[in-house]
N, C-alpha and C. Protein backbone atom coordinates (compact mmCIF):
# COMPACT_ATOMS: atom_id res chain seq x y z
N MET A 1 -17.13 -22.70 105.80
CA MET A 1 -18.27 -22.30 106.55
C MET A 1 -19.66 -23.37 106.01
N SER A 2 -20.40 -23.49 107.23
CA SER A 2 -21.49 -24.58 106.52
C SER A 2 -22.52 -23.92 106.06
N LEU A 3 -23.79 -24.37 105.92
CA LEU A 3 -24.72 -23.53 105.38
C LEU A 3 -25.51 -23.26 106.46
N ILE A 4 -25.42 -23.79 107.50
CA ILE A 4 -25.98 -23.66 108.93
C ILE A 4 -25.42 -22.32 109.56
N ASN A 5 -24.20 -22.11 109.66
CA ASN A 5 -23.66 -20.79 110.02
C ASN A 5 -23.89 -19.93 109.06
N LEU A 6 -23.98 -20.13 107.57
CA LEU A 6 -24.42 -18.77 106.85
C LEU A 6 -25.61 -18.39 106.94
N ILE A 7 -26.65 -19.55 107.34
CA ILE A 7 -28.28 -18.71 107.46
C ILE A 7 -28.56 -18.33 108.78
N GLU A 8 -27.37 -18.67 109.91
CA GLU A 8 -27.27 -17.79 111.14
C GLU A 8 -27.04 -16.72 110.90
N ILE A 9 -26.04 -16.44 110.15
CA ILE A 9 -25.58 -15.08 110.21
C ILE A 9 -26.48 -14.18 109.30
N LEU A 10 -26.99 -14.77 108.18
CA LEU A 10 -28.04 -13.91 107.54
C LEU A 10 -29.02 -13.62 108.46
N ALA A 11 -29.60 -14.50 109.18
CA ALA A 11 -30.65 -14.16 110.33
C ALA A 11 -30.33 -12.97 111.24
N ILE A 12 -29.04 -12.93 111.78
CA ILE A 12 -28.48 -12.00 112.56
C ILE A 12 -28.73 -10.43 111.78
N LEU A 13 -28.26 -10.76 110.51
CA LEU A 13 -28.17 -9.30 109.50
C LEU A 13 -29.88 -9.04 109.38
N VAL A 14 -30.46 -9.69 109.02
CA VAL A 14 -31.80 -9.33 109.03
C VAL A 14 -32.64 -8.81 110.34
N GLY A 15 -32.37 -9.41 111.52
CA GLY A 15 -32.70 -8.69 112.51
C GLY A 15 -32.15 -7.49 112.97
N ALA A 16 -31.06 -7.35 112.58
CA ALA A 16 -30.47 -6.09 112.71
C ALA A 16 -31.04 -4.96 111.95
N PHE A 17 -31.25 -5.33 110.69
CA PHE A 17 -31.69 -4.57 109.52
C PHE A 17 -33.29 -4.19 109.95
N SER A 18 -33.97 -4.95 110.58
CA SER A 18 -35.37 -5.01 111.21
C SER A 18 -35.54 -4.13 112.14
N GLY A 19 -34.19 -3.84 113.16
CA GLY A 19 -34.04 -3.04 114.09
C GLY A 19 -33.85 -1.66 113.82
N PHE A 20 -32.89 -1.95 112.78
CA PHE A 20 -32.96 -0.55 112.19
C PHE A 20 -33.75 0.30 111.38
N ILE A 21 -34.77 -0.29 110.72
CA ILE A 21 -35.78 0.13 110.22
C ILE A 21 -36.67 0.68 110.96
N GLU A 22 -37.19 -0.02 112.28
CA GLU A 22 -38.05 0.21 113.35
C GLU A 22 -37.67 1.36 114.11
N ALA A 23 -36.21 1.54 114.38
CA ALA A 23 -35.73 2.61 115.06
C ALA A 23 -35.89 3.97 114.29
N ARG A 24 -35.32 3.91 112.88
CA ARG A 24 -35.67 5.00 111.95
C ARG A 24 -36.97 5.16 111.88
N SER A 25 -37.87 4.59 112.03
CA SER A 25 -39.36 4.80 112.00
C SER A 25 -39.74 5.85 112.91
N LYS A 26 -39.03 5.52 114.08
CA LYS A 26 -39.44 6.30 115.48
C LYS A 26 -38.50 7.61 115.44
N LYS A 27 -37.90 7.81 114.68
CA LYS A 27 -37.15 8.99 114.45
C LYS A 27 -36.15 8.95 115.60
N MET A 28 -35.66 7.85 115.77
CA MET A 28 -34.31 7.82 116.92
C MET A 28 -32.85 8.49 116.43
N ASP A 29 -32.19 9.19 117.37
CA ASP A 29 -30.78 9.06 116.81
C ASP A 29 -29.75 8.04 116.35
N VAL A 30 -28.68 8.34 116.28
CA VAL A 30 -27.74 6.91 115.88
C VAL A 30 -27.73 6.27 116.85
N VAL A 31 -27.25 6.62 118.14
CA VAL A 31 -27.19 6.00 119.42
C VAL A 31 -28.22 4.87 119.40
N GLY A 32 -29.27 5.60 119.55
CA GLY A 32 -30.62 4.63 119.37
C GLY A 32 -30.90 3.64 118.46
N VAL A 33 -30.38 4.02 117.16
CA VAL A 33 -30.78 3.07 116.09
C VAL A 33 -29.74 2.15 116.59
N PHE A 34 -28.48 1.99 116.79
CA PHE A 34 -27.67 1.04 116.71
C PHE A 34 -27.79 0.10 118.17
N THR A 35 -28.33 1.05 119.09
CA THR A 35 -28.86 -0.15 120.46
C THR A 35 -29.70 -0.90 119.86
N VAL A 36 -31.19 -0.59 119.30
CA VAL A 36 -32.44 -1.23 118.77
C VAL A 36 -31.58 -2.34 118.05
N ALA A 37 -31.05 -1.81 117.25
CA ALA A 37 -30.59 -3.00 115.92
C ALA A 37 -29.65 -3.91 116.64
N PHE A 38 -28.81 -3.80 117.71
CA PHE A 38 -27.97 -4.91 118.22
C PHE A 38 -29.18 -5.71 119.20
N ILE A 39 -29.93 -5.05 119.84
CA ILE A 39 -30.67 -5.88 120.91
C ILE A 39 -31.57 -6.55 120.04
N THR A 40 -32.53 -6.03 118.81
CA THR A 40 -32.97 -7.00 117.75
C THR A 40 -32.17 -8.18 117.33
N ALA A 41 -31.10 -7.87 116.65
CA ALA A 41 -30.32 -9.12 116.15
C ALA A 41 -29.71 -10.14 117.20
N PHE A 42 -29.15 -9.51 118.54
CA PHE A 42 -28.72 -10.53 119.40
C PHE A 42 -29.48 -11.29 120.32
N GLY A 43 -30.46 -10.58 120.58
CA GLY A 43 -31.70 -10.95 121.56
C GLY A 43 -32.56 -11.92 121.02
N GLY A 44 -32.96 -11.95 119.78
CA GLY A 44 -33.86 -12.96 119.34
C GLY A 44 -33.09 -14.37 119.15
N GLY A 45 -31.56 -14.26 118.62
CA GLY A 45 -31.04 -15.67 118.84
C GLY A 45 -30.81 -15.97 120.42
N THR A 46 -30.58 -15.14 121.17
CA THR A 46 -30.41 -15.86 122.68
C THR A 46 -31.45 -16.22 122.97
N LEU A 47 -33.08 -15.41 123.15
CA LEU A 47 -34.25 -16.11 123.29
C LEU A 47 -34.37 -17.26 122.68
N ARG A 48 -34.07 -17.49 121.10
CA ARG A 48 -34.48 -18.88 120.77
C ARG A 48 -33.67 -19.68 120.87
N ASP A 49 -32.29 -19.27 121.54
CA ASP A 49 -31.54 -20.81 122.33
C ASP A 49 -32.10 -20.83 123.46
N ILE A 50 -32.43 -20.18 124.35
CA ILE A 50 -32.75 -20.44 125.66
C ILE A 50 -34.40 -21.23 125.50
N LEU A 51 -35.12 -20.74 124.39
CA LEU A 51 -36.44 -21.34 124.15
C LEU A 51 -36.04 -22.97 124.13
N LEU A 52 -35.21 -23.18 122.96
CA LEU A 52 -34.84 -24.63 122.60
C LEU A 52 -33.87 -25.20 123.58
N ASP A 53 -33.10 -24.76 124.43
CA ASP A 53 -32.45 -25.10 125.68
C ASP A 53 -31.00 -25.58 125.05
N LYS A 54 -30.56 -24.65 123.97
CA LYS A 54 -29.00 -24.93 123.49
C LYS A 54 -28.27 -24.28 124.50
N ARG A 55 -27.06 -24.67 124.37
CA ARG A 55 -25.86 -24.19 125.23
C ARG A 55 -24.82 -24.08 124.15
């Protein structure tokens, strides 16, 4: 595993944790927490790839 891959995985985990914290602060149920965490983690990376025109 290269350093770039490790950083990318770490960024996904941090994004998911950020979404988890935000959803819990809004007192969402378990499904809402996982949904927000998933969208935050993978949506940010997808948006970055679109803006950088990566395929």
